[in-house]
Protein backbone atom coordinates (compact mmCIF):
# COMPACT_ATOMS: atom_id res chain seq x y z
CA MET A 1 96.90 39.57 90.21
CA GLU A 2 94.85 40.69 93.66
CA ILE A 3 96.53 43.85 95.06
CA CYS A 4 94.97 45.95 97.98
CA PHE A 5 96.65 49.81 99.44
CA PHE A 6 95.52 50.65 102.38
CA TRP A 7 96.61 53.33 105.35
CA ASP A 8 98.94 51.62 108.32
CA ASP A 9 100.23 52.99 111.62
CA GLU A 10 103.64 52.70 111.61
CA ASP A 11 105.24 54.63 115.00
CA GLY A 12 102.25 56.93 114.94
CA ALA A 13 102.70 57.81 111.56
CA CYS A 14 100.11 57.50 108.94
CA VAL A 15 102.08 54.97 106.04
CA PRO A 16 100.79 53.40 102.33
CA ASN A 17 100.85 49.64 102.83
CA CYS A 18 100.08 47.26 100.29
CA ARG A 19 98.98 43.13 100.06
CA SER A 20 98.73 40.97 97.12
CA SER A 21 98.86 37.74 95.29
CA VAL A 22 102.31 38.47 94.61
CA LEU A 23 103.67 35.47 96.80
CA ASN A 24 106.45 33.11 96.96
CA GLU A 25 105.75 29.82 98.53
CA SER A 26 107.02 30.95 102.46
CA GLY A 27 104.16 33.96 101.87
CA VAL A 28 106.37 37.14 101.30
CA ASP A 29 104.73 39.36 99.57
CA PHE A 30 107.27 40.60 96.99
CA LEU A 31 105.40 43.50 95.60
CA ALA A 32 104.79 44.90 98.81
CA CYS A 33 108.24 44.79 99.85
CA LEU A 34 109.61 46.54 96.73
CA PHE A 35 106.56 49.07 97.22
CA THR A 36 107.34 49.88 100.74
CA ASP A 37 111.17 49.98 100.55
CA HIS A 38 111.27 53.84 101.07
CA GLY A 39 114.92 53.80 101.58
CA GLY A 40 114.43 55.51 104.97
CA GLN A 41 112.62 58.74 103.04
CA LYS A 42 109.15 59.63 103.06
CA TYR A 43 106.23 58.51 101.19
CA GLU A 44 106.00 61.44 99.82
CA SER A 45 109.17 61.98 98.32
CA SER A 46 109.01 58.72 96.26
CA ILE A 47 107.20 60.25 93.82
CA PRO A 48 110.05 60.84 91.53
CA TRP A 49 111.45 57.01 92.18
CA LEU A 50 107.79 55.93 91.10
CA ASP A 51 108.09 57.93 88.23
CA GLU A 52 111.57 56.66 87.21
CA GLY A 53 110.38 53.13 87.56
CA LEU A 54 107.62 53.96 84.98
CA SER A 55 109.87 55.58 82.69
CA ARG A 56 112.14 52.35 82.58
CA ILE A 57 109.02 49.77 81.96
CA ARG A 58 108.21 52.18 78.84
CA LEU A 59 111.45 52.56 77.71
CA VAL A 60 111.72 48.31 77.76
CA LYS A 61 108.05 47.88 76.04
CA SER A 62 108.87 50.46 73.58
CA GLY A 63 111.85 48.12 72.47
CA VAL A 64 114.09 51.33 73.10
CA VAL A 65 116.26 49.29 75.82
CA GLU A 66 116.20 45.28 75.92
CA LYS A 67 116.69 45.16 79.60
CA ALA A 68 116.32 48.10 82.79
CA ASP A 69 116.53 47.32 86.03
CA TRP A 70 114.83 49.54 89.15
CA SER A 71 116.06 49.25 92.40
CA ARG A 72 116.05 51.14 95.73
CA ASP A 73 117.51 49.91 99.07
CA SER A 74 116.26 46.11 99.42
CA TRP A 75 114.21 45.42 96.67
CA GLY A 76 114.61 45.76 92.80
CA VAL A 77 113.01 44.72 89.95
CA GLU A 78 114.44 43.37 86.51
CA LEU A 79 112.18 44.49 83.38
CA SER A 80 112.23 43.12 80.66
CA LYS A 81 109.63 42.70 77.27
CA SER A 82 107.34 40.49 78.58
CA LEU A 83 108.05 40.12 82.65
CA ALA A 84 109.16 42.28 85.93
CA LYS A 85 111.15 40.04 88.02
CA ILE A 86 111.01 41.07 91.70
CA TYR A 87 113.81 40.50 93.92
CA SER A 88 115.87 40.79 96.84
CA LEU A 89 119.10 43.19 96.50
CA TYR A 90 120.60 40.59 99.14
CA ASP A 91 119.87 37.64 97.41
CA GLU A 92 118.95 37.97 93.85
CA ASP A 93 117.71 34.67 93.71
CA TYR A 94 114.76 35.25 96.22
CA CYS A 95 112.40 36.35 93.48
CA SER A 96 108.99 36.19 91.85
CA ILE A 97 108.30 36.81 88.70
CA ILE A 98 105.03 38.65 87.12
CA ASN A 99 103.91 39.89 83.56
CA ILE A 100 105.46 43.69 82.76
CA ASP A 101 101.40 44.79 82.18
CA GLU A 102 100.29 43.63 85.66
CA PHE A 103 103.59 45.07 87.17
CA GLU A 104 102.70 48.46 85.41
CA ARG A 105 98.98 49.30 86.60
CA ALA A 106 100.13 47.48 89.65
CA LEU A 107 102.59 50.76 89.86
CA LEU A 108 100.36 52.99 88.54
CA GLY A 109 98.09 52.42 91.18
CA TRP A 110 100.46 52.37 93.92
CA LYS A 111 100.80 55.85 92.76
CA GLY A 112 98.18 56.78 92.42
CA PHE A 113 96.73 55.58 95.61
CA ILE A 114 100.21 57.66 97.34
CA LEU A 115 99.21 61.13 95.39
CA ASN A 116 95.31 60.36 96.67
CA VAL A 117 96.59 61.36 100.48
């Protein structure tokens, strides 16, 4: 999986953004949609949400729970032992599935990118 983190201008404010190779047939970047789904909050306040996602990944990978769901306003992820299903909260059939280890690395990278302001 390829992923690129960068800063973007949004209404005069510098905000984190990303591009990845997790695309559907129409070119929608599911990882970017999930990571930039800030719920109307400033990106700095998303760290606890990212930590919660990482915690849920660890619970699933260690077998404490069989599945976990982690979502924000418009996008969510269903986590299982080996897979992460990124989906739209408006249409759960609109989804992309990636390896959970790749998803964990991407989420750690996103968190690190935001923290290194």
